[in-house]
Protein backbone atom coordinates (compact mmCIF):
# COMPACT_ATOMS: atom_id res chain seq x y z
CA UNK A 1 -31.00 -21.08 -18.43
CA UNK A 2 -30.54 -23.58 -15.59
CA UNK A 3 -28.20 -23.00 -12.65
CA UNK A 4 -25.50 -25.37 -14.00
CA UNK A 5 -25.40 -23.51 -17.31
CA UNK A 6 -25.32 -20.19 -15.47
CA UNK A 7 -22.40 -21.29 -13.28
CA UNK A 8 -20.52 -22.57 -16.32
CA UNK A 9 -21.05 -19.21 -17.99
CA UNK A 10 -19.80 -17.35 -14.91
CA UNK A 11 -16.74 -19.59 -14.59
CA UNK A 12 -15.75 -18.79 -18.17
CA UNK A 13 -16.04 -15.03 -17.61
CA UNK A 14 -12.89 -13.02 -18.35
CA UNK A 15 -12.13 -9.30 -18.38
CA UNK A 16 -11.00 -7.38 -21.46
CA UNK A 17 -7.26 -7.06 -20.86
CA UNK A 18 -6.67 -4.77 -23.82
CA UNK A 19 -9.32 -2.36 -22.58
CA UNK A 20 -7.85 -2.31 -19.06
CA UNK A 21 -4.35 -1.71 -20.40
CA UNK A 22 -5.58 1.11 -22.65
CA UNK A 23 -7.29 2.76 -19.68
CA UNK A 24 -4.10 2.55 -17.62
CA UNK A 25 -2.08 4.10 -20.44
CA UNK A 26 -4.62 6.90 -20.95
CA UNK A 27 -4.68 7.79 -17.25
CA UNK A 28 -0.87 7.71 -17.26
CA UNK A 29 -0.82 10.57 -19.77
CA UNK A 30 -2.09 12.90 -17.06
CA UNK A 31 1.13 13.95 -15.38
CA UNK A 32 3.33 11.85 -17.68
CA UNK A 33 7.09 12.27 -17.17
CA UNK A 34 9.89 12.13 -19.72
CA UNK A 35 11.18 8.85 -18.26
CA UNK A 36 7.85 7.10 -18.77
CA UNK A 37 6.45 7.57 -15.28
CA UNK A 38 3.77 9.75 -13.74
CA UNK A 39 3.84 12.76 -11.41
CA UNK A 40 0.28 13.39 -10.29
CA UNK A 41 0.41 14.61 -6.71
CA UNK A 42 -2.67 14.62 -4.50
CA UNK A 43 -5.09 17.53 -4.88
CA UNK A 44 -3.21 19.22 -7.71
CA UNK A 45 -4.81 20.23 -11.01
CA UNK A 46 -3.46 17.00 -12.48
CA UNK A 47 -5.14 14.99 -9.72
CA UNK A 48 -8.41 16.75 -10.56
CA UNK A 49 -7.97 15.80 -14.23
CA UNK A 50 -7.32 12.19 -13.26
CA UNK A 51 -10.36 12.10 -11.00
CA UNK A 52 -12.53 13.67 -13.70
CA UNK A 53 -11.39 11.10 -16.24
CA UNK A 54 -12.04 8.10 -13.98
CA UNK A 55 -15.43 9.38 -12.83
CA UNK A 56 -16.37 10.07 -16.44
CA UNK A 57 -15.61 6.45 -17.30
CA UNK A 58 -17.67 5.29 -14.31
CA UNK A 59 -20.69 7.33 -15.38
CA UNK A 60 -20.36 5.99 -18.94
CA UNK A 61 -20.52 2.50 -17.37
CA UNK A 62 -23.83 3.44 -15.70
CA UNK A 63 -22.39 3.90 -12.22
CA UNK A 64 -23.54 6.49 -9.71
CA UNK A 65 -20.89 8.63 -8.01
CA UNK A 66 -20.58 9.81 -4.41
CA UNK A 67 -17.79 12.03 -3.04
CA UNK A 68 -17.25 12.42 0.69
CA UNK A 69 -15.83 15.35 2.62
CA UNK A 70 -12.20 14.18 2.35
CA UNK A 71 -12.58 13.70 -1.40
CA UNK A 72 -12.83 9.93 -1.48
CA UNK A 73 -14.74 8.81 -4.58
CA UNK A 74 -17.23 5.92 -4.64
CA UNK A 75 -18.51 4.58 -7.96
CA UNK A 76 -21.49 2.26 -7.54
CA UNK A 77 -23.03 -0.39 -9.76
CA UNK A 78 -26.45 -1.31 -8.43
CA UNK A 79 -27.25 -4.86 -7.38
CA UNK A 80 -30.56 -6.66 -7.27
CA UNK A 81 -30.75 -6.06 -3.52
CA UNK A 82 -29.44 -2.56 -2.93
CA UNK A 83 -30.08 -2.79 0.81
CA UNK A 84 -27.05 -5.09 1.00
CA UNK A 85 -23.71 -3.41 1.73
CA UNK A 86 -21.60 -3.22 -1.43
CA UNK A 87 -18.69 -5.44 -2.33
CA UNK A 88 -16.01 -2.82 -2.83
CA UNK A 89 -12.67 -2.64 -4.55
CA UNK A 90 -10.33 0.27 -5.06
CA UNK A 91 -7.02 1.98 -4.43
CA UNK A 92 -5.69 5.45 -5.28
CA UNK A 93 -4.78 7.54 -8.31
CA UNK A 94 -2.37 10.02 -6.72
CA UNK A 95 1.30 9.22 -7.33
CA UNK A 96 4.78 9.85 -6.00
CA UNK A 97 6.74 12.72 -7.60
CA UNK A 98 8.65 10.08 -9.55
CA UNK A 99 5.81 7.56 -9.66
CA UNK A 100 4.87 4.86 -12.12
CA UNK A 101 1.81 3.98 -14.15
CA UNK A 102 0.53 1.14 -11.99
CA UNK A 103 0.89 1.84 -8.27
CA UNK A 104 -2.65 2.51 -7.06
CA UNK A 105 -3.98 3.30 -10.53
CA UNK A 106 -4.19 -0.40 -11.36
CA UNK A 107 -6.42 -1.13 -8.37
CA UNK A 108 -8.92 1.56 -9.34
CA UNK A 109 -9.04 0.77 -13.05
CA UNK A 110 -9.17 -2.98 -12.42
CA UNK A 111 -12.36 -2.33 -10.45
CA UNK A 112 -13.77 -0.29 -13.31
CA UNK A 113 -12.90 -3.10 -15.73
CA UNK A 114 -14.77 -5.59 -13.53
CA UNK A 115 -17.87 -3.43 -13.87
CA UNK A 116 -17.41 -3.00 -17.61
CA UNK A 117 -17.10 -6.78 -17.97
CA UNK A 118 -20.30 -7.41 -15.99
CA UNK A 119 -22.04 -4.85 -18.17
CA UNK A 120 -20.77 -6.50 -21.34
CA UNK A 121 -22.29 -9.83 -20.28
CA UNK A 122 -25.46 -8.45 -18.68
CA UNK A 123 -24.66 -10.00 -15.31
CA UNK A 124 -26.55 -8.77 -12.27
CA UNK A 125 -25.19 -9.30 -8.77
CA UNK A 126 -27.23 -9.60 -5.60
CA UNK A 127 -25.16 -7.03 -3.73
CA UNK A 128 -24.07 -3.74 -5.29
CA UNK A 129 -20.48 -3.42 -6.48
CA UNK A 130 -18.46 -0.29 -5.78
CA UNK A 131 -15.11 1.03 -6.91
CA UNK A 132 -13.35 3.55 -4.69
CA UNK A 133 -10.43 5.89 -5.06
CA UNK A 134 -8.97 7.17 -1.81
CA UNK A 135 -7.52 10.65 -1.34
CA UNK A 136 -3.77 11.18 -0.78
CA UNK A 137 -2.69 7.58 -0.27
CA UNK A 138 0.93 8.33 -1.10
CA UNK A 139 1.45 11.12 1.42
CA UNK A 140 4.08 12.71 -0.79
CA UNK A 141 2.42 16.13 -0.72
CA UNK A 142 0.43 15.95 2.53
CA UNK A 143 0.90 13.78 5.61
CA UNK A 144 -0.32 11.47 7.00
CA UNK A 145 -0.15 8.85 4.29
CA UNK A 146 -3.33 6.90 3.41
CA UNK A 147 -5.21 10.03 4.41
CA UNK A 148 -8.57 9.41 2.77
CA UNK A 149 -8.97 5.84 3.94
CA UNK A 150 -7.58 6.79 7.36
CA UNK A 151 -10.21 9.50 7.85
CA UNK A 152 -12.85 7.08 6.56
CA UNK A 153 -11.80 4.48 9.16
CA UNK A 154 -11.61 7.11 11.97
CA UNK A 155 -7.88 6.56 12.41
CA UNK A 156 -7.63 10.35 12.58
CA UNK A 157 -10.08 13.20 12.29
CA UNK A 158 -11.28 15.08 9.26
CA UNK A 159 -10.15 18.29 10.97
CA UNK A 160 -6.59 17.00 11.30
CA UNK A 161 -6.56 16.01 7.64
CA UNK A 162 -8.02 19.34 6.53
CA UNK A 163 -5.31 21.23 8.44
CA UNK A 164 -2.38 19.35 6.88
CA UNK A 165 -0.14 21.63 4.81
CA UNK A 166 2.23 21.06 1.91
CA UNK A 167 5.66 22.68 1.61
CA UNK A 168 4.07 25.86 0.25
CA UNK A 169 1.64 26.18 3.15
CA UNK A 170 -1.43 25.11 1.17
CA UNK A 171 -3.95 23.07 3.18
CA UNK A 172 -5.80 19.90 2.28
CA UNK A 173 -9.13 21.64 2.83
CA UNK A 174 -8.19 24.57 0.63
CA UNK A 175 -6.89 22.36 -2.16
CA UNK A 176 -9.94 20.08 -2.04
CA UNK A 177 -12.14 23.14 -2.38
CA UNK A 178 -10.00 24.54 -5.19
CA UNK A 179 -10.20 21.40 -7.33
CA UNK A 180 -13.90 20.90 -6.52
CA UNK A 181 -13.66 17.63 -4.62
CA UNK A 182 -15.16 18.28 -1.19
CA UNK A 183 -18.29 16.16 -1.17
CA UNK A 184 -21.22 16.18 1.24
CA UNK A 185 -21.04 12.65 2.65
CA UNK A 186 -19.48 12.17 6.08
CA UNK A 187 -16.34 9.98 5.79
CA UNK A 188 -17.12 6.53 7.13
CA UNK A 189 -20.86 6.87 6.57
CA UNK A 190 -20.50 4.65 3.50
CA UNK A 191 -21.24 0.97 4.22
CA UNK A 192 -18.86 -1.76 3.05
CA UNK A 193 -19.73 -5.45 2.89
CA UNK A 194 -16.25 -6.57 1.92
CA UNK A 195 -13.22 -5.00 0.27
CA UNK A 196 -10.58 -6.17 -2.22
CA UNK A 197 -7.54 -4.30 -3.50
CA UNK A 198 -5.49 -5.34 -6.52
CA UNK A 199 -1.94 -4.03 -6.62
CA UNK A 200 1.50 -4.56 -8.07
CA UNK A 201 3.63 -6.27 -5.45
CA UNK A 202 6.20 -3.44 -5.22
CA UNK A 203 8.73 -6.11 -4.33
CA UNK A 204 10.61 -8.93 -6.05
CA UNK A 205 9.17 -12.09 -4.48
CA UNK A 206 6.56 -13.09 -7.08
CA UNK A 207 8.94 -12.42 -9.96
CA UNK A 208 11.70 -14.36 -8.19
CA UNK A 209 9.36 -17.35 -7.83
CA UNK A 210 7.92 -16.92 -11.35
CA UNK A 211 4.40 -16.81 -9.87
CA UNK A 212 1.52 -14.77 -11.30
CA UNK A 213 -0.75 -14.15 -8.29
CA UNK A 214 0.16 -13.29 -4.73
CA UNK A 215 -2.61 -14.22 -2.29
CA UNK A 216 -2.01 -11.57 0.35
CA UNK A 217 -2.83 -12.68 3.87
CA UNK A 218 -1.42 -9.76 5.89
CA UNK A 219 0.31 -6.41 5.86
CA UNK A 220 3.48 -6.35 7.94
CA UNK A 221 3.57 -4.59 11.27
CA UNK A 222 6.23 -1.88 11.55
CA UNK A 223 8.28 -0.32 14.32
CA UNK A 224 10.56 2.63 13.59
CA UNK A 225 13.27 3.74 16.00
CA UNK A 226 15.97 6.36 16.39
CA UNK A 227 19.13 4.86 17.84
CA UNK A 228 21.90 6.96 19.41
CA UNK A 229 25.41 5.72 20.21
CA UNK A 230 27.54 8.15 22.23
CA UNK A 231 31.34 7.99 22.28
CA UNK A 232 34.04 10.64 22.36
CA UNK A 233 35.51 12.70 19.52
CA UNK A 234 39.29 12.48 19.39
CA UNK A 235 42.13 13.01 16.92
CA UNK A 236 42.51 10.08 14.53
CA UNK A 237 46.30 10.21 14.71
CA UNK A 238 47.43 10.55 18.34
CA UNK A 239 44.68 8.36 19.89
CA UNK A 240 45.70 4.64 20.23
CA UNK A 241 43.16 2.07 19.10
CA UNK A 242 42.74 0.58 22.57
CA UNK A 243 41.88 3.96 24.12
CA UNK A 244 39.26 5.06 21.62
CA UNK A 245 35.56 5.55 22.26
CA UNK A 246 34.54 5.19 18.61
CA UNK A 247 30.79 5.57 18.31
CA UNK A 248 30.74 4.53 14.67
CA UNK A 249 32.41 1.16 15.22
CA UNK A 250 29.93 0.33 17.97
CA UNK A 251 27.02 1.58 15.86
CA UNK A 252 28.20 -0.55 12.93
CA UNK A 253 28.00 -3.69 15.11
CA UNK A 254 24.44 -2.84 16.07
CA UNK A 255 23.49 -2.03 12.48
CA UNK A 256 24.60 -5.52 11.45
CA UNK A 257 22.50 -6.94 14.26
CA UNK A 258 19.42 -5.16 12.88
CA UNK A 259 19.76 -7.35 9.79
CA UNK A 260 20.59 -10.41 11.89
CA UNK A 261 17.45 -9.90 14.01
CA UNK A 262 15.34 -10.11 10.85
CA UNK A 263 17.06 -13.35 9.88
CA UNK A 264 16.32 -14.71 13.36
CA UNK A 265 12.58 -14.16 12.82
CA UNK A 266 11.83 -15.68 9.37
CA UNK A 267 10.25 -15.82 6.90
CA UNK A 268 8.75 -12.33 7.02
CA UNK A 269 11.18 -10.56 9.35
CA UNK A 270 12.60 -7.34 7.91
CA UNK A 271 15.39 -5.25 9.40
CA UNK A 272 16.70 -2.06 7.81
CA UNK A 273 19.03 0.81 8.66
CA UNK A 274 18.26 3.50 6.10
CA UNK A 275 19.48 6.74 7.64
CA UNK A 276 22.81 7.47 9.42
CA UNK A 277 24.17 10.71 10.88
CA UNK A 278 27.82 10.71 12.04
CA UNK A 279 29.16 13.49 14.26
CA UNK A 280 31.36 15.39 13.61
CA UNK A 281 31.67 13.61 10.23
CA UNK A 282 35.29 14.67 9.71
CA UNK A 283 37.95 12.62 7.98
CA UNK A 284 40.52 12.75 10.80
CA UNK A 285 38.23 12.77 13.85
CA UNK A 286 37.09 9.63 15.65
CA UNK A 287 33.25 9.77 15.59
CA UNK A 288 31.83 10.86 18.92
CA UNK A 289 28.16 10.33 18.17
CA UNK A 290 26.17 8.29 15.67
CA UNK A 291 22.40 8.51 15.23
CA UNK A 292 20.68 6.07 12.89
CA UNK A 293 17.24 4.73 12.04
CA UNK A 294 16.01 1.19 12.64
CA UNK A 295 13.06 -0.24 10.74
CA UNK A 296 11.71 -3.60 11.99
CA UNK A 297 8.81 -5.45 10.36
CA UNK A 298 7.02 -8.77 10.56
CA UNK A 299 3.64 -10.25 9.77
CA UNK A 300 2.25 -10.42 13.32
CA UNK A 301 2.44 -8.02 16.24
CA UNK A 302 3.83 -10.83 18.39
CA UNK A 303 6.78 -11.31 16.05
CA UNK A 304 7.41 -7.56 15.85
CA UNK A 305 7.46 -7.44 19.67
CA UNK A 306 9.90 -10.37 19.73
CA UNK A 307 12.17 -8.50 17.31
CA UNK A 308 11.89 -5.40 19.50
CA UNK A 309 13.00 -7.35 22.57
CA UNK A 310 15.80 -8.97 20.58
CA UNK A 311 17.33 -5.73 19.27
CA UNK A 312 17.05 -4.04 22.68
CA UNK A 313 18.80 -6.95 24.40
CA UNK A 314 21.48 -6.95 21.70
CA UNK A 315 22.00 -3.21 22.11
CA UNK A 316 22.37 -3.63 25.89
CA UNK A 317 24.99 -6.34 25.37
CA UNK A 318 26.98 -4.27 22.86
CA UNK A 319 26.80 -1.25 25.18
CA UNK A 320 28.11 -3.29 28.10
CA UNK A 321 30.94 -4.75 26.02
CA UNK A 322 32.01 -1.39 24.59
CA UNK A 323 31.29 0.87 27.54
CA UNK A 324 29.44 3.29 25.23
CA UNK A 325 25.85 4.35 25.99
CA UNK A 326 23.22 3.26 23.45
CA UNK A 327 19.64 4.55 23.46
CA UNK A 328 16.81 3.22 21.30
CA UNK A 329 13.71 5.41 21.00
CA UNK A 330 10.50 4.16 19.38
CA UNK A 331 9.27 6.91 17.04
CA UNK A 332 6.45 5.20 15.13
CA UNK A 333 4.45 1.99 15.26
CA UNK A 334 2.01 0.50 12.77
CA UNK A 335 0.32 -2.75 13.90
CA UNK A 336 0.28 -5.76 11.60
CA UNK A 337 -3.00 -6.16 9.74
CA UNK A 338 -4.16 -9.68 8.88
CA UNK A 339 -6.75 -9.98 6.14
CA UNK A 340 -10.02 -11.84 6.58
CA UNK A 341 -9.78 -15.59 5.88
CA UNK A 342 -12.95 -15.51 3.76
CA UNK A 343 -11.50 -12.87 1.44
CA UNK A 344 -8.06 -14.48 1.36
CA UNK A 345 -9.69 -17.80 0.47
CA UNK A 346 -11.84 -16.14 -2.21
CA UNK A 347 -8.70 -14.79 -3.89
CA UNK A 348 -6.97 -18.17 -3.71
CA UNK A 349 -10.02 -20.01 -5.07
CA UNK A 350 -10.30 -17.55 -7.96
CA UNK A 351 -6.61 -17.92 -8.85
CA UNK A 352 -6.83 -21.71 -8.80
CA UNK A 353 -10.09 -21.79 -10.78
CA UNK A 354 -8.53 -19.56 -13.43
CA UNK A 355 -5.39 -21.70 -13.61
CA UNK A 356 -2.94 -19.03 -12.47
CA UNK A 357 0.15 -19.93 -10.49
CA UNK A 358 -0.20 -18.47 -7.01
CA UNK A 359 1.44 -18.35 -3.61
CA UNK A 360 0.77 -16.82 -0.19
CA UNK A 361 2.15 -13.29 0.11
CA UNK A 362 2.52 -10.51 2.64
CA UNK A 363 2.63 -6.80 1.96
CA UNK A 364 5.64 -4.98 3.29
CA UNK A 365 4.09 -1.65 2.31
CA UNK A 366 0.96 0.06 3.59
CA UNK A 367 -2.19 0.20 1.48
CA UNK A 368 -5.70 1.58 1.84
CA UNK A 369 -6.83 -2.02 2.41
CA UNK A 370 -5.17 -1.82 5.84
CA UNK A 371 -7.80 0.66 7.03
CA UNK A 372 -10.63 -1.09 5.21
CA UNK A 373 -9.73 -4.36 6.97
CA UNK A 374 -10.62 -2.67 10.26
CA UNK A 375 -14.15 -2.04 8.98
CA UNK A 376 -15.06 -5.09 6.90
CA UNK A 377 -13.66 -8.40 5.62
CA UNK A 378 -10.83 -7.48 3.26
CA UNK A 379 -8.19 -9.04 1.05
CA UNK A 380 -5.53 -8.11 -1.48
CA UNK A 381 -4.30 -9.49 -4.79
CA UNK A 382 -0.68 -8.97 -5.86
CA UNK A 383 0.81 -9.32 -9.32
CA UNK A 384 4.54 -9.15 -10.16
CA UNK A 385 6.26 -5.93 -11.17
CA UNK A 386 9.51 -5.84 -13.11
CA UNK A 387 12.55 -6.24 -10.83
CA UNK A 388 10.29 -5.49 -7.87
CA UNK A 389 10.66 -1.76 -8.56
CA UNK A 390 7.99 0.76 -7.58
CA UNK A 391 7.86 4.43 -6.54
CA UNK A 392 10.01 4.92 -9.61
CA UNK A 393 9.30 6.13 -13.13
CA UNK A 394 10.58 2.84 -14.56
CA UNK A 395 7.95 0.84 -12.61
CA UNK A 396 6.57 -1.76 -15.02
CA UNK A 397 4.22 -4.74 -15.20
CA UNK A 398 3.36 -7.22 -17.93
CA UNK A 399 -0.03 -6.87 -19.64
CA UNK A 400 -0.73 -10.57 -19.04
CA UNK A 401 -0.18 -10.11 -15.31
CA UNK A 402 -2.37 -7.00 -15.27
CA UNK A 403 -5.10 -9.08 -16.92
CA UNK A 404 -4.62 -12.04 -14.58
CA UNK A 405 -4.92 -9.95 -11.43
CA UNK A 406 -8.09 -8.34 -12.69
CA UNK A 407 -9.60 -11.73 -13.61
CA UNK A 408 -8.91 -12.91 -10.06
CA UNK A 409 -10.51 -9.73 -8.71
CA UNK A 410 -13.58 -10.30 -10.90
CA UNK A 411 -14.16 -13.82 -9.63
CA UNK A 412 -13.37 -13.04 -5.99
CA UNK A 413 -15.83 -10.14 -6.06
CA UNK A 414 -18.49 -12.25 -7.76
CA UNK A 415 -18.13 -14.86 -5.04
CA UNK A 416 -18.81 -12.21 -2.39
CA UNK A 417 -21.48 -10.27 -4.32
CA UNK A 418 -23.23 -13.40 -5.64
CA UNK A 419 -24.72 -13.55 -9.12
CA UNK A 420 -28.47 -12.95 -9.12
CA UNK A 421 -30.38 -15.97 -10.34
């Protein structure tokens, strides 16, 4: 077979969408909820069953399996040149307490379907291909979130992760031992040539634009704050309007500005107030103190810093106008993570070659790919999810979109792994 014929054959390669969907539905039975979702928390017996199922499928596909000390699983399909670092894909199979069938699970099983498809067609790649599942991505039972990939990337230590406890006082180390998933490999000792992650968008943008593939170029940077406005409690009846020190009215102005700041830094600016505590929270008392959260996000650290300066200057102005003290305390910061142009371009080329509608996208949520991007060229593929809903039992995606995202993953990975001639 000449090279032209080989390339034509590769270009026509497609995954088995029915097989991928069936695998997703079978995995979803482990921890299935009455509302059609999944509750499979990290390091529970159900998580062990899910891991066992996925690793069983990998071994049936001829893959070798490695588990590291934080329980990350690596499923490897050999290449012609196994000295090359693998082209990796993956995600997680732990879920939220009221999780869906696709968040994380899709990224792992899409990788497995890529391998099954290569096996079906007898295609050998130069570099090995690996599929990973990362421990405790969700962080719903143990914190920090994205634990397995974070330990792998040295964002925090294995000892810190091991010591994390759930609400019942059970530790990560103890639960890993109990379910039999402490491996021997040191986290981070596993080479990666490049990394892709396929995921439902978990937002409404692709569906709103009626686009099939989101070519993800970055994960938004985040700054979280606690804001405190201090006034004076007073009786709602006897106190004239002009003499009040109403903390809630001043806080409300600043809350509106949080949204306005995001609008002033388009197109990826995000501004959210999600938590409010009013003191004394009594019907006939003028609020004397209001504490609320501020969540600012954008696609570069420079834009997040600009939003930070904007909201602080706005708070200072509102404080001066009202005479009420306002403090803004930064409580958490996650830098923006751009993805590698080569991987972003590989995703876009695959989508165009396959004839799928596509558009640039950013991720407003964190993913294991954030940590992998610090170690190797990385990229993400988004597909739409119904109404943009995720972390919910009604989370849903269309089979044709599930298939499309996996086809894009297949061709992007083949570009990086190269077909052996």
